[in-house]
Structures are given as C-alpha cells and as structure tokens.
Amino acid sequence: MVNGKKVYEKPVPVYLQSVANICNQLMRAGTSVGANNSEATSAISKADYKSKSYIALKEARESLYWINLLHRNGYLEEKQYVSIFADADELVRIFVARCKTLNKEEGRGKKEE
C-alpha cells in the first residue's frame, strides 16, 4: 500500500514493455516532425531553415519505421495502419519536395557566384 491505496505489484509483461517502448519512440519521432517544422518556419537563416527541414524529414521517415514495426507485429489493425501510414508518408513526401527545392536553390546560388 502506498498512501492508503493498493499498488499493483505484478510486473508488466516484457512484450507490453516492448510495445510501450515502440509507441514512445513513435511519439518522440512524430512530435519531433512538428517541432522541427515549426522551428524551420521561424528559422533565422536559410541554413537554419534547411537544417530543420532535413531533421523533420529524418524524423518523419523514422515515424514510418515505427508505424511499420507496430503493424508487422500486429499492434495496428489494417485500417488504422493504412490511414496512419498514408498521413505520415504524405509528410515525408512534403519534406522530400522541400529539401529537393532547397538543394536546387543552393545549387543555383553557387553557380551565380
């Protein structure tokens, strides 16, 4: 008992701990996408904008990895997986397009110098 309340003393099964860890990683990567995109939109320089955009892309791709892992191990139903994966994949495509544009702009800037 803790503070007059019963405490659940049975250990959490390892497989549930693993799922919780995967979900935690997905949450970290997924929220990092938004945070880095927000940072990019208020960047103080073009280099800062590019850096944050690339980090957001990496985190979006990592999110796809965790989503796939949850699905392959049966923790996401097919309908959930298709919806969540499509949203995350769309973000990846947006960031890929942004990063390609940034690279093209950088290449043009170097040629003009």
PDB file of N, CA and C in Angstrom:
ATOM      1  N   MET A   1       0.824  -1.196   0.000  1.00  0.00           N
ATOM      2  CA  MET A   1       0.000   0.000   0.000  1.00  0.00           C
ATOM      3  C   MET A   1       0.862   1.251   0.000  1.00  0.00           C
ATOM      4  N   VAL A   2       0.430   2.208  -0.793  1.00  0.00           N
ATOM      5  CA  VAL A   2       1.095   3.497  -0.847  1.00  0.00           C
ATOM      6  C   VAL A   2       0.024   4.560  -0.615  1.00  0.00           C
ATOM      7  N   ASN A   3       0.226   5.372   0.425  1.00  0.00           N
ATOM      8  CA  ASN A   3      -0.749   6.409   0.785  1.00  0.00           C
ATOM      9  C   ASN A   3      -2.164   5.857   0.932  1.00  0.00           C
ATOM     10  N   GLY A   4      -2.268   4.651   1.501  1.00  0.00           N
ATOM     11  CA  GLY A   4      -3.562   4.057   1.766  1.00  0.00           C
ATOM     12  C   GLY A   4      -4.224   3.421   0.554  1.00  0.00           C
ATOM     13  N   LYS A   5      -3.512   3.342  -0.586  1.00  0.00           N
ATOM     14  CA  LYS A   5      -4.082   2.742  -1.802  1.00  0.00           C
ATOM     15  C   LYS A   5      -3.295   1.497  -2.166  1.00  0.00           C
ATOM     16  N   LYS A   6      -4.013   0.507  -2.706  1.00  0.00           N
ATOM     17  CA  LYS A   6      -3.354  -0.702  -3.157  1.00  0.00           C
ATOM     18  C   LYS A   6      -2.518  -0.379  -4.386  1.00  0.00           C
ATOM     19  N   VAL A   7      -1.349  -0.958  -4.450  1.00  0.00           N
ATOM     20  CA  VAL A   7      -0.450  -0.765  -5.585  1.00  0.00           C
ATOM     21  C   VAL A   7      -0.376  -2.086  -6.340  1.00  0.00           C
ATOM     22  N   TYR A   8      -0.471  -1.986  -7.653  1.00  0.00           N
ATOM     23  CA  TYR A   8      -0.361  -3.175  -8.492  1.00  0.00           C
ATOM     24  C   TYR A   8       1.084  -3.641  -8.469  1.00  0.00           C
ATOM     25  N   GLU A   9       1.315  -4.811  -7.910  1.00  0.00           N
ATOM     26  CA  GLU A   9       2.682  -5.277  -7.705  1.00  0.00           C
ATOM     27  C   GLU A   9       3.156  -6.261  -8.758  1.00  0.00           C
ATOM     28  N   LYS A  10       2.253  -6.776  -9.580  1.00  0.00           N
ATOM     29  CA  LYS A  10       2.648  -7.741 -10.590  1.00  0.00           C
ATOM     30  C   LYS A  10       3.430  -7.016 -11.690  1.00  0.00           C
ATOM     31  N   PRO A  11       4.580  -7.551 -12.088  1.00  0.00           N
ATOM     32  CA  PRO A  11       5.377  -6.879 -13.121  1.00  0.00           C
ATOM     33  C   PRO A  11       4.654  -6.863 -14.470  1.00  0.00           C
ATOM     34  N   VAL A  12       4.912  -5.821 -15.233  1.00  0.00           N
ATOM     35  CA  VAL A  12       4.328  -5.703 -16.562  1.00  0.00           C
ATOM     36  C   VAL A  12       5.063  -6.671 -17.487  1.00  0.00           C
ATOM     37  N   PRO A  13       4.320  -7.466 -18.281  1.00  0.00           N
ATOM     38  CA  PRO A  13       4.980  -8.421 -19.177  1.00  0.00           C
ATOM     39  C   PRO A  13       5.939  -7.721 -20.143  1.00  0.00           C
ATOM     40  N   VAL A  14       7.004  -8.405 -20.502  1.00  0.00           N
ATOM     41  CA  VAL A  14       8.047  -7.844 -21.354  1.00  0.00           C
ATOM     42  C   VAL A  14       7.486  -7.386 -22.698  1.00  0.00           C
ATOM     43  N   TYR A  15       6.571  -8.180 -23.291  1.00  0.00           N
ATOM     44  CA  TYR A  15       6.051  -7.794 -24.607  1.00  0.00           C
ATOM     45  C   TYR A  15       5.270  -6.482 -24.523  1.00  0.00           C
ATOM     46  N   LEU A  16       4.600  -6.224 -23.404  1.00  0.00           N
ATOM     47  CA  LEU A  16       3.892  -4.948 -23.254  1.00  0.00           C
ATOM     48  C   LEU A  16       4.877  -3.804 -23.056  1.00  0.00           C
ATOM     49  N   GLN A  17       5.975  -4.083 -22.373  1.00  0.00           N
ATOM     50  CA  GLN A  17       7.012  -3.068 -22.219  1.00  0.00           C
ATOM     51  C   GLN A  17       7.604  -2.717 -23.586  1.00  0.00           C
ATOM     52  N   SER A  18       7.799  -3.741 -24.418  1.00  0.00           N
ATOM     53  CA  SER A  18       8.347  -3.518 -25.759  1.00  0.00           C
ATOM     54  C   SER A  18       7.409  -2.672 -26.603  1.00  0.00           C
ATOM     55  N   VAL A  19       6.123  -2.979 -26.554  1.00  0.00           N
ATOM     56  CA  VAL A  19       5.144  -2.196 -27.318  1.00  0.00           C
ATOM     57  C   VAL A  19       5.124  -0.765 -26.805  1.00  0.00           C
ATOM     58  N   ALA A  20       5.177  -0.595 -25.505  1.00  0.00           N
ATOM     59  CA  ALA A  20       5.190   0.751 -24.931  1.00  0.00           C
ATOM     60  C   ALA A  20       6.428   1.514 -25.397  1.00  0.00           C
ATOM     61  N   ASN A  21       7.577   0.828 -25.473  1.00  0.00           N
ATOM     62  CA  ASN A  21       8.804   1.471 -25.944  1.00  0.00           C
ATOM     63  C   ASN A  21       8.686   1.889 -27.405  1.00  0.00           C
ATOM     64  N   ILE A  22       8.100   1.026 -28.233  1.00  0.00           N
ATOM     65  CA  ILE A  22       7.913   1.353 -29.648  1.00  0.00           C
ATOM     66  C   ILE A  22       6.971   2.541 -29.783  1.00  0.00           C
ATOM     67  N   CYS A  23       5.886   2.519 -29.042  1.00  0.00           N
ATOM     68  CA  CYS A  23       4.930   3.633 -29.087  1.00  0.00           C
ATOM     69  C   CYS A  23       5.586   4.934 -28.616  1.00  0.00           C
ATOM     70  N   ASN A  24       6.415   4.837 -27.605  1.00  0.00           N
ATOM     71  CA  ASN A  24       7.132   6.011 -27.113  1.00  0.00           C
ATOM     72  C   ASN A  24       8.070   6.558 -28.189  1.00  0.00           C
ATOM     73  N   GLN A  25       8.772   5.666 -28.893  1.00  0.00           N
ATOM     74  CA  GLN A  25       9.660   6.101 -29.969  1.00  0.00           C
ATOM     75  C   GLN A  25       8.874   6.769 -31.093  1.00  0.00           C
ATOM     76  N   LEU A  26       7.723   6.197 -31.422  1.00  0.00           N
ATOM     77  CA  LEU A  26       6.868   6.784 -32.456  1.00  0.00           C
ATOM     78  C   LEU A  26       6.385   8.164 -32.026  1.00  0.00           C
ATOM     79  N   MET A  27       6.005   8.284 -30.771  1.00  0.00           N
ATOM     80  CA  MET A  27       5.548   9.580 -30.271  1.00  0.00           C
ATOM     81  C   MET A  27       6.674  10.608 -30.328  1.00  0.00           C
ATOM     82  N   ARG A  28       7.871  10.211 -29.945  1.00  0.00           N
ATOM     83  CA  ARG A  28       9.013  11.133 -29.976  1.00  0.00           C
ATOM     84  C   ARG A  28       9.323  11.582 -31.399  1.00  0.00           C
ATOM     85  N   ALA A  29       9.393  10.612 -32.321  1.00  0.00           N
ATOM     86  CA  ALA A  29       9.716  10.946 -33.712  1.00  0.00           C
ATOM     87  C   ALA A  29       8.598  11.788 -34.325  1.00  0.00           C
ATOM     88  N   GLY A  30       7.359  11.381 -34.080  1.00  0.00           N
ATOM     89  CA  GLY A  30       6.224  12.094 -34.659  1.00  0.00           C
ATOM     90  C   GLY A  30       6.091  13.520 -34.170  1.00  0.00           C
ATOM     91  N   THR A  31       6.293  13.730 -32.889  1.00  0.00           N
ATOM     92  CA  THR A  31       6.194  15.098 -32.369  1.00  0.00           C
ATOM     93  C   THR A  31       7.395  15.928 -32.775  1.00  0.00           C
ATOM     94  N   SER A  32       8.526  15.270 -33.016  1.00  0.00           N
ATOM     95  CA  SER A  32       9.715  15.978 -33.469  1.00  0.00           C
ATOM     96  C   SER A  32       9.520  16.541 -34.874  1.00  0.00           C
ATOM     97  N   VAL A  33       8.738  15.841 -35.694  1.00  0.00           N
ATOM     98  CA  VAL A  33       8.441  16.341 -37.038  1.00  0.00           C
ATOM     99  C   VAL A  33       7.802  17.716 -36.943  1.00  0.00           C
ATOM    100  N   GLY A  34       6.765  17.815 -36.133  1.00  0.00           N
ATOM    101  CA  GLY A  34       6.068  19.088 -35.972  1.00  0.00           C
ATOM    102  C   GLY A  34       6.940  20.159 -35.345  1.00  0.00           C
ATOM    103  N   ALA A  35       7.704  19.781 -34.353  1.00  0.00           N
ATOM    104  CA  ALA A  35       8.564  20.747 -33.674  1.00  0.00           C
ATOM    105  C   ALA A  35       9.626  21.300 -34.623  1.00  0.00           C
ATOM    106  N   ASN A  36      10.249  20.424 -35.403  1.00  0.00           N
ATOM    107  CA  ASN A  36      11.285  20.885 -36.329  1.00  0.00           C
ATOM    108  C   ASN A  36      10.701  21.672 -37.493  1.00  0.00           C
ATOM    109  N   ASN A  37       9.505  21.313 -37.932  1.00  0.00           N
ATOM    110  CA  ASN A  37       8.857  22.111 -38.969  1.00  0.00           C
ATOM    111  C   ASN A  37       8.546  23.500 -38.439  1.00  0.00           C
ATOM    112  N   SER A  38       8.085  23.575 -37.213  1.00  0.00           N
ATOM    113  CA  SER A  38       7.807  24.867 -36.592  1.00  0.00           C
ATOM    114  C   SER A  38       9.082  25.692 -36.475  1.00  0.00           C
ATOM    115  N   GLU A  39      10.161  25.044 -36.071  1.00  0.00           N
ATOM    116  CA  GLU A  39      11.448  25.726 -35.980  1.00  0.00           C
ATOM    117  C   GLU A  39      11.912  26.207 -37.352  1.00  0.00           C
ATOM    118  N   ALA A  40      11.677  25.396 -38.381  1.00  0.00           N
ATOM    119  CA  ALA A  40      12.091  25.770 -39.737  1.00  0.00           C
ATOM    120  C   ALA A  40      11.347  27.014 -40.216  1.00  0.00           C
ATOM    121  N   THR A  41      10.063  27.070 -39.912  1.00  0.00           N
ATOM    122  CA  THR A  41       9.271  28.214 -40.385  1.00  0.00           C
ATOM    123  C   THR A  41       9.650  29.515 -39.692  1.00  0.00           C
ATOM    124  N   SER A  42      10.316  29.413 -38.552  1.00  0.00           N
ATOM    125  CA  SER A  42      10.769  30.633 -37.882  1.00  0.00           C
ATOM    126  C   SER A  42      12.296  30.677 -37.806  1.00  0.00           C
ATOM    127  N   ALA A  43      12.930  30.064 -38.793  1.00  0.00           N
ATOM    128  CA  ALA A  43      14.396  29.998 -38.822  1.00  0.00           C
ATOM    129  C   ALA A  43      15.005  31.386 -38.992  1.00  0.00           C
ATOM    130  N   ILE A  44      16.203  31.538 -38.469  1.00  0.00           N
ATOM    131  CA  ILE A  44      16.872  32.838 -38.541  1.00  0.00           C
ATOM    132  C   ILE A  44      17.753  32.970 -39.784  1.00  0.00           C
ATOM    133  N   SER A  45      17.962  31.850 -40.490  1.00  0.00           N
ATOM    134  CA  SER A  45      18.763  31.897 -41.709  1.00  0.00           C
ATOM    135  C   SER A  45      18.309  30.781 -42.646  1.00  0.00           C
ATOM    136  N   LYS A  46      18.727  30.867 -43.883  1.00  0.00           N
ATOM    137  CA  LYS A  46      18.416  29.830 -44.875  1.00  0.00           C
ATOM    138  C   LYS A  46      19.036  28.499 -44.454  1.00  0.00           C
ATOM    139  N   ALA A  47      20.247  28.562 -43.911  1.00  0.00           N
ATOM    140  CA  ALA A  47      20.920  27.337 -43.451  1.00  0.00           C
ATOM    141  C   ALA A  47      20.151  26.695 -42.297  1.00  0.00           C
ATOM    142  N   ASP A  48      19.638  27.507 -41.391  1.00  0.00           N
ATOM    143  CA  ASP A  48      18.853  27.012 -40.266  1.00  0.00           C
ATOM    144  C   ASP A  48      17.561  26.378 -40.778  1.00  0.00           C
ATOM    145  N   TYR A  49      16.922  27.038 -41.736  1.00  0.00           N
ATOM    146  CA  TYR A  49      15.693  26.518 -42.351  1.00  0.00           C
ATOM    147  C   TYR A  49      15.961  25.149 -42.979  1.00  0.00           C
ATOM    148  N   LYS A  50      17.047  25.059 -43.733  1.00  0.00           N
ATOM    149  CA  LYS A  50      17.403  23.808 -44.398  1.00  0.00           C
ATOM    150  C   LYS A  50      17.693  22.713 -43.374  1.00  0.00           C
ATOM    151  N   SER A  51      18.449  23.040 -42.359  1.00  0.00           N
ATOM    152  CA  SER A  51      18.805  22.069 -41.327  1.00  0.00           C
ATOM    153  C   SER A  51      17.570  21.505 -40.635  1.00  0.00           C
ATOM    154  N   LYS A  52      16.674  22.385 -40.215  1.00  0.00           N
ATOM    155  CA  LYS A  52      15.458  21.939 -39.514  1.00  0.00           C
ATOM    156  C   LYS A  52      14.557  21.137 -40.445  1.00  0.00           C
ATOM    157  N   SER A  53      14.526  21.510 -41.719  1.00  0.00           N
ATOM    158  CA  SER A  53      13.707  20.770 -42.688  1.00  0.00           C
ATOM    159  C   SER A  53      14.234  19.352 -42.864  1.00  0.00           C
ATOM    160  N   TYR A  54      15.560  19.208 -42.943  1.00  0.00           N
ATOM    161  CA  TYR A  54      16.151  17.876 -43.073  1.00  0.00           C
ATOM    162  C   TYR A  54      15.924  17.039 -41.815  1.00  0.00           C
ATOM    163  N   ILE A  55      15.989  17.660 -40.664  1.00  0.00           N
ATOM    164  CA  ILE A  55      15.724  16.926 -39.420  1.00  0.00           C
ATOM    165  C   ILE A  55      14.267  16.464 -39.399  1.00  0.00           C
ATOM    166  N   ALA A  56      13.350  17.327 -39.813  1.00  0.00           N
ATOM    167  CA  ALA A  56      11.930  16.954 -39.868  1.00  0.00           C
ATOM    168  C   ALA A  56      11.730  15.777 -40.814  1.00  0.00           C
ATOM    169  N   LEU A  57      12.423  15.792 -41.963  1.00  0.00           N
ATOM    170  CA  LEU A  57      12.332  14.680 -42.915  1.00  0.00           C
ATOM    171  C   LEU A  57      12.832  13.385 -42.287  1.00  0.00           C
ATOM    172  N   LYS A  58      13.977  13.437 -41.619  1.00  0.00           N
ATOM    173  CA  LYS A  58      14.515  12.240 -40.971  1.00  0.00           C
ATOM    174  C   LYS A  58      13.553  11.703 -39.924  1.00  0.00           C
ATOM    175  N   GLU A  59      12.964  12.585 -39.143  1.00  0.00           N
ATOM    176  CA  GLU A  59      12.035  12.155 -38.097  1.00  0.00           C
ATOM    177  C   GLU A  59      10.747  11.584 -38.701  1.00  0.00           C
ATOM    178  N   ALA A  60      10.303  12.148 -39.816  1.00  0.00           N
ATOM    179  CA  ALA A  60       9.108  11.623 -40.493  1.00  0.00           C
ATOM    180  C   ALA A  60       9.381  10.218 -41.016  1.00  0.00           C
ATOM    181  N   ARG A  61      10.570  10.016 -41.575  1.00  0.00           N
ATOM    182  CA  ARG A  61      10.932   8.675 -42.044  1.00  0.00           C
ATOM    183  C   ARG A  61      11.053   7.694 -40.882  1.00  0.00           C
ATOM    184  N   GLU A  62      11.574   8.162 -39.759  1.00  0.00           N
ATOM    185  CA  GLU A  62      11.662   7.300 -38.585  1.00  0.00           C
ATOM    186  C   GLU A  62      10.260   6.921 -38.105  1.00  0.00           C
ATOM    187  N   SER A  63       9.348   7.860 -38.179  1.00  0.00           N
ATOM    188  CA  SER A  63       7.959   7.576 -37.788  1.00  0.00           C
ATOM    189  C   SER A  63       7.386   6.458 -38.645  1.00  0.00           C
ATOM    190  N   LEU A  64       7.668   6.491 -39.959  1.00  0.00           N
ATOM    191  CA  LEU A  64       7.201   5.411 -40.838  1.00  0.00           C
ATOM    192  C   LEU A  64       7.753   4.063 -40.389  1.00  0.00           C
ATOM    193  N   TYR A  65       9.005   4.054 -39.967  1.00  0.00           N
ATOM    194  CA  TYR A  65       9.619   2.819 -39.487  1.00  0.00           C
ATOM    195  C   TYR A  65       8.850   2.257 -38.291  1.00  0.00           C
ATOM    196  N   TRP A  66       8.573   3.115 -37.305  1.00  0.00           N
ATOM    197  CA  TRP A  66       7.875   2.648 -36.099  1.00  0.00           C
ATOM    198  C   TRP A  66       6.447   2.225 -36.420  1.00  0.00           C
ATOM    199  N   ILE A  67       5.784   2.937 -37.325  1.00  0.00           N
ATOM    200  CA  ILE A  67       4.427   2.563 -37.733  1.00  0.00           C
ATOM    201  C   ILE A  67       4.446   1.181 -38.386  1.00  0.00           C
ATOM    202  N   ASN A  68       5.406   0.962 -39.279  1.00  0.00           N
ATOM    203  CA  ASN A  68       5.536  -0.357 -39.921  1.00  0.00           C
ATOM    204  C   ASN A  68       5.809  -1.448 -38.900  1.00  0.00           C
ATOM    205  N   LEU A  69       6.666  -1.164 -37.944  1.00  0.00           N
ATOM    206  CA  LEU A  69       7.003  -2.149 -36.928  1.00  0.00           C
ATOM    207  C   LEU A  69       5.771  -2.531 -36.097  1.00  0.00           C
ATOM    208  N   LEU A  70       5.004  -1.544 -35.709  1.00  0.00           N
ATOM    209  CA  LEU A  70       3.775  -1.830 -34.956  1.00  0.00           C
ATOM    210  C   LEU A  70       2.810  -2.676 -35.787  1.00  0.00           C
ATOM    211  N   HIS A  71       2.705  -2.357 -37.060  1.00  0.00           N
ATOM    212  CA  HIS A  71       1.789  -3.112 -37.932  1.00  0.00           C
ATOM    213  C   HIS A  71       2.267  -4.545 -38.150  1.00  0.00           C
ATOM    214  N   ARG A  72       3.548  -4.695 -38.463  1.00  0.00           N
ATOM    215  CA  ARG A  72       4.096  -6.042 -38.710  1.00  0.00           C
ATOM    216  C   ARG A  72       3.953  -6.957 -37.510  1.00  0.00           C
ATOM    217  N   ASN A  73       3.941  -6.389 -36.325  1.00  0.00           N
ATOM    218  CA  ASN A  73       3.815  -7.197 -35.106  1.00  0.00           C
ATOM    219  C   ASN A  73       2.385  -7.278 -34.592  1.00  0.00           C
ATOM    220  N   GLY A  74       1.449  -6.808 -35.392  1.00  0.00           N
ATOM    221  CA  GLY A  74       0.031  -6.993 -35.083  1.00  0.00           C
ATOM    222  C   GLY A  74      -0.559  -6.015 -34.083  1.00  0.00           C
ATOM    223  N   TYR A  75       0.102  -4.880 -33.855  1.00  0.00           N
ATOM    224  CA  TYR A  75      -0.418  -3.919 -32.890  1.00  0.00           C
ATOM    225  C   TYR A  75      -1.249  -2.817 -33.532  1.00  0.00           C
ATOM    226  N   LEU A  76      -1.282  -2.786 -34.860  1.00  0.00           N
ATOM    227  CA  LEU A  76      -2.161  -1.863 -35.582  1.00  0.00           C
ATOM    228  C   LEU A  76      -3.011  -2.683 -36.530  1.00  0.00           C
ATOM    229  N   GLU A  77      -4.310  -2.433 -36.500  1.00  0.00           N
ATOM    230  CA  GLU A  77      -5.190  -3.092 -37.455  1.00  0.00           C
ATOM    231  C   GLU A  77      -4.925  -2.504 -38.837  1.00  0.00           C
ATOM    232  N   GLU A  78      -5.286  -3.255 -39.865  1.00  0.00           N
ATOM    233  CA  GLU A  78      -5.007  -2.842 -41.240  1.00  0.00           C
ATOM    234  C   GLU A  78      -5.579  -1.461 -41.555  1.00  0.00           C
ATOM    235  N   LYS A  79      -6.802  -1.213 -41.136  1.00  0.00           N
ATOM    236  CA  LYS A  79      -7.442   0.075 -41.420  1.00  0.00           C
ATOM    237  C   LYS A  79      -6.690   1.222 -40.732  1.00  0.00           C
ATOM    238  N   GLN A  80      -6.298   1.010 -39.487  1.00  0.00           N
ATOM    239  CA  GLN A  80      -5.524   2.012 -38.755  1.00  0.00           C
ATOM    240  C   GLN A  80      -4.188   2.248 -39.447  1.00  0.00           C
ATOM    241  N   TYR A  81      -3.531   1.152 -39.788  1.00  0.00           N
ATOM    242  CA  TYR A  81      -2.209   1.233 -40.418  1.00  0.00           C
ATOM    243  C   TYR A  81      -2.270   2.023 -41.724  1.00  0.00           C
ATOM    244  N   VAL A  82      -3.213   1.689 -42.574  1.00  0.00           N
ATOM    245  CA  VAL A  82      -3.320   2.351 -43.880  1.00  0.00           C
ATOM    246  C   VAL A  82      -3.520   3.848 -43.702  1.00  0.00           C
ATOM    247  N   SER A  83      -4.372   4.227 -42.778  1.00  0.00           N
ATOM    248  CA  SER A  83      -4.651   5.646 -42.549  1.00  0.00           C
ATOM    249  C   SER A  83      -3.438   6.382 -41.974  1.00  0.00           C
ATOM    250  N   ILE A  84      -2.856   5.821 -40.923  1.00  0.00           N
ATOM    251  CA  ILE A  84      -1.716   6.463 -40.264  1.00  0.00           C
ATOM    252  C   ILE A  84      -0.513   6.507 -41.194  1.00  0.00           C
ATOM    253  N   PHE A  85      -0.265   5.400 -41.896  1.00  0.00           N
ATOM    254  CA  PHE A  85       0.884   5.352 -42.803  1.00  0.00           C
ATOM    255  C   PHE A  85       0.725   6.369 -43.924  1.00  0.00           C
ATOM    256  N   ALA A  86      -0.480   6.482 -44.467  1.00  0.00           N
ATOM    257  CA  ALA A  86      -0.720   7.435 -45.555  1.00  0.00           C
ATOM    258  C   ALA A  86      -0.438   8.868 -45.096  1.00  0.00           C
ATOM    259  N   ASP A  87      -0.873   9.216 -43.902  1.00  0.00           N
ATOM    260  CA  ASP A  87      -0.621  10.567 -43.375  1.00  0.00           C
ATOM    261  C   ASP A  87       0.874  10.814 -43.186  1.00  0.00           C
ATOM    262  N   ALA A  88       1.557   9.849 -42.592  1.00  0.00           N
ATOM    263  CA  ALA A  88       2.997  10.003 -42.344  1.00  0.00           C
ATOM    264  C   ALA A  88       3.769  10.034 -43.664  1.00  0.00           C
ATOM    265  N   ASP A  89       3.366   9.200 -44.607  1.00  0.00           N
ATOM    266  CA  ASP A  89       4.033   9.168 -45.904  1.00  0.00           C
ATOM    267  C   ASP A  89       3.835  10.489 -46.656  1.00  0.00           C
ATOM    268  N   GLU A  90       2.677  11.088 -46.514  1.00  0.00           N
ATOM    269  CA  GLU A  90       2.433  12.389 -47.143  1.00  0.00           C
ATOM    270  C   GLU A  90       3.383  13.453 -46.577  1.00  0.00           C
ATOM    271  N   LEU A  91       3.591  13.405 -45.274  1.00  0.00           N
ATOM    272  CA  LEU A  91       4.551  14.333 -44.663  1.00  0.00           C
ATOM    273  C   LEU A  91       5.962  14.099 -45.198  1.00  0.00           C
ATOM    274  N   VAL A  92       6.352  12.846 -45.336  1.00  0.00           N
ATOM    275  CA  VAL A  92       7.673  12.535 -45.887  1.00  0.00           C
ATOM    276  C   VAL A  92       7.797  13.135 -47.282  1.00  0.00           C
ATOM    277  N   ARG A  93       6.765  12.962 -48.105  1.00  0.00           N
ATOM    278  CA  ARG A  93       6.798  13.485 -49.478  1.00  0.00           C
ATOM    279  C   ARG A  93       6.892  15.016 -49.491  1.00  0.00           C
ATOM    280  N   ILE A  94       6.194  15.657 -48.589  1.00  0.00           N
ATOM    281  CA  ILE A  94       6.253  17.125 -48.490  1.00  0.00           C
ATOM    282  C   ILE A  94       7.670  17.568 -48.140  1.00  0.00           C
ATOM    283  N   PHE A  95       8.269  16.905 -47.146  1.00  0.00           N
ATOM    284  CA  PHE A  95       9.623  17.290 -46.730  1.00  0.00           C
ATOM    285  C   PHE A  95      10.669  16.933 -47.784  1.00  0.00           C
ATOM    286  N   VAL A  96      10.466  15.838 -48.502  1.00  0.00           N
ATOM    287  CA  VAL A  96      11.385  15.491 -49.594  1.00  0.00           C
ATOM    288  C   VAL A  96      11.334  16.584 -50.652  1.00  0.00           C
ATOM    289  N   ALA A  97      10.131  17.001 -51.023  1.00  0.00           N
ATOM    290  CA  ALA A  97       9.985  18.062 -52.030  1.00  0.00           C
ATOM    291  C   ALA A  97      10.643  19.356 -51.547  1.00  0.00           C
ATOM    292  N   ARG A  98      10.424  19.689 -50.279  1.00  0.00           N
ATOM    293  CA  ARG A  98      11.028  20.907 -49.723  1.00  0.00           C
ATOM    294  C   ARG A  98      12.550  20.830 -49.772  1.00  0.00           C
ATOM    295  N   CYS A  99      13.109  19.700 -49.355  1.00  0.00           N
ATOM    296  CA  CYS A  99      14.563  19.557 -49.311  1.00  0.00           C
ATOM    297  C   CYS A  99      15.161  19.555 -50.712  1.00  0.00           C
ATOM    298  N   LYS A 100      14.473  18.948 -51.673  1.00  0.00           N
ATOM    299  CA  LYS A 100      14.958  18.980 -53.060  1.00  0.00           C
ATOM    300  C   LYS A 100      14.977  20.411 -53.580  1.00  0.00           C
ATOM    301  N   THR A 101      13.926  21.162 -53.279  1.00  0.00           N
ATOM    302  CA  THR A 101      13.860  22.560 -53.703  1.00  0.00           C
ATOM    303  C   THR A 101      14.994  23.362 -53.076  1.00  0.00           C
ATOM    304  N   LEU A 102      15.246  23.120 -51.796  1.00  0.00           N
ATOM    305  CA  LEU A 102      16.340  23.821 -51.117  1.00  0.00           C
ATOM    306  C   LEU A 102      17.687  23.494 -51.752  1.00  0.00           C
ATOM    307  N   ASN A 103      17.879  22.240 -52.126  1.00  0.00           N
ATOM    308  CA  ASN A 103      19.139  21.846 -52.768  1.00  0.00           C
ATOM    309  C   ASN A 103      19.288  22.500 -54.138  1.00  0.00           C
ATOM    310  N   LYS A 104      18.196  22.573 -54.890  1.00  0.00           N
ATOM    311  CA  LYS A 104      18.239  23.219 -56.208  1.00  0.00           C
ATOM    312  C   LYS A 104      18.560  24.700 -56.063  1.00  0.00           C
ATOM    313  N   GLU A 105      17.904  25.337 -55.095  1.00  0.00           N
ATOM    314  CA  GLU A 105      18.154  26.767 -54.864  1.00  0.00           C
ATOM    315  C   GLU A 105      19.602  27.005 -54.456  1.00  0.00           C
ATOM    316  N   GLU A 106      20.127  26.119 -53.637  1.00  0.00           N
ATOM    317  CA  GLU A 106      21.524  26.250 -53.197  1.00  0.00           C
ATOM    318  C   GLU A 106      22.468  26.077 -54.383  1.00  0.00           C
ATOM    319  N   GLY A 107      22.156  25.129 -55.255  1.00  0.00           N
ATOM    320  CA  GLY A 107      22.977  24.899 -56.445  1.00  0.00           C
ATOM    321  C   GLY A 107      22.977  26.079 -57.367  1.00  0.00           C
ATOM    322  N   ARG A 108      21.820  26.736 -57.539  1.00  0.00           N
ATOM    323  CA  ARG A 108      21.734  27.921 -58.376  1.00  0.00           C
ATOM    324  C   ARG A 108      22.516  29.076 -57.768  1.00  0.00           C
ATOM    325  N   GLY A 109      22.464  29.196 -56.456  1.00  0.00           N
ATOM    326  CA  GLY A 109      23.184  30.269 -55.773  1.00  0.00           C
ATOM    327  C   GLY A 109      24.684  30.152 -55.944  1.00  0.00           C
ATOM    328  N   LYS A 110      25.194  28.926 -55.923  1.00  0.00           N
ATOM    329  CA  LYS A 110      26.637  28.699 -56.073  1.00  0.00           C
ATOM    330  C   LYS A 110      27.080  29.000 -57.503  1.00  0.00           C
ATOM    331  N   LYS A 111      26.228  28.688 -58.496  1.00  0.00           N
ATOM    332  CA  LYS A 111      26.585  28.932 -59.899  1.00  0.00           C
ATOM    333  C   LYS A 111      26.644  30.416 -60.204  1.00  0.00           C
ATOM    334  N   GLU A 112      25.807  31.192 -59.508  1.00  0.00           N
ATOM    335  CA  GLU A 112      25.741  32.626 -59.755  1.00  0.00           C
ATOM    336  C   GLU A 112      26.942  33.360 -59.173  1.00  0.00           C
ATOM    337  N   GLU A 113      27.608  32.760 -58.190  1.00  0.00           N
ATOM    338  CA  GLU A 113      28.736  33.430 -57.523  1.00  0.00           C
ATOM    339  C   GLU A 113      29.952  33.504 -58.372  1.00  0.00           C
TER     340      GLU A 113
END
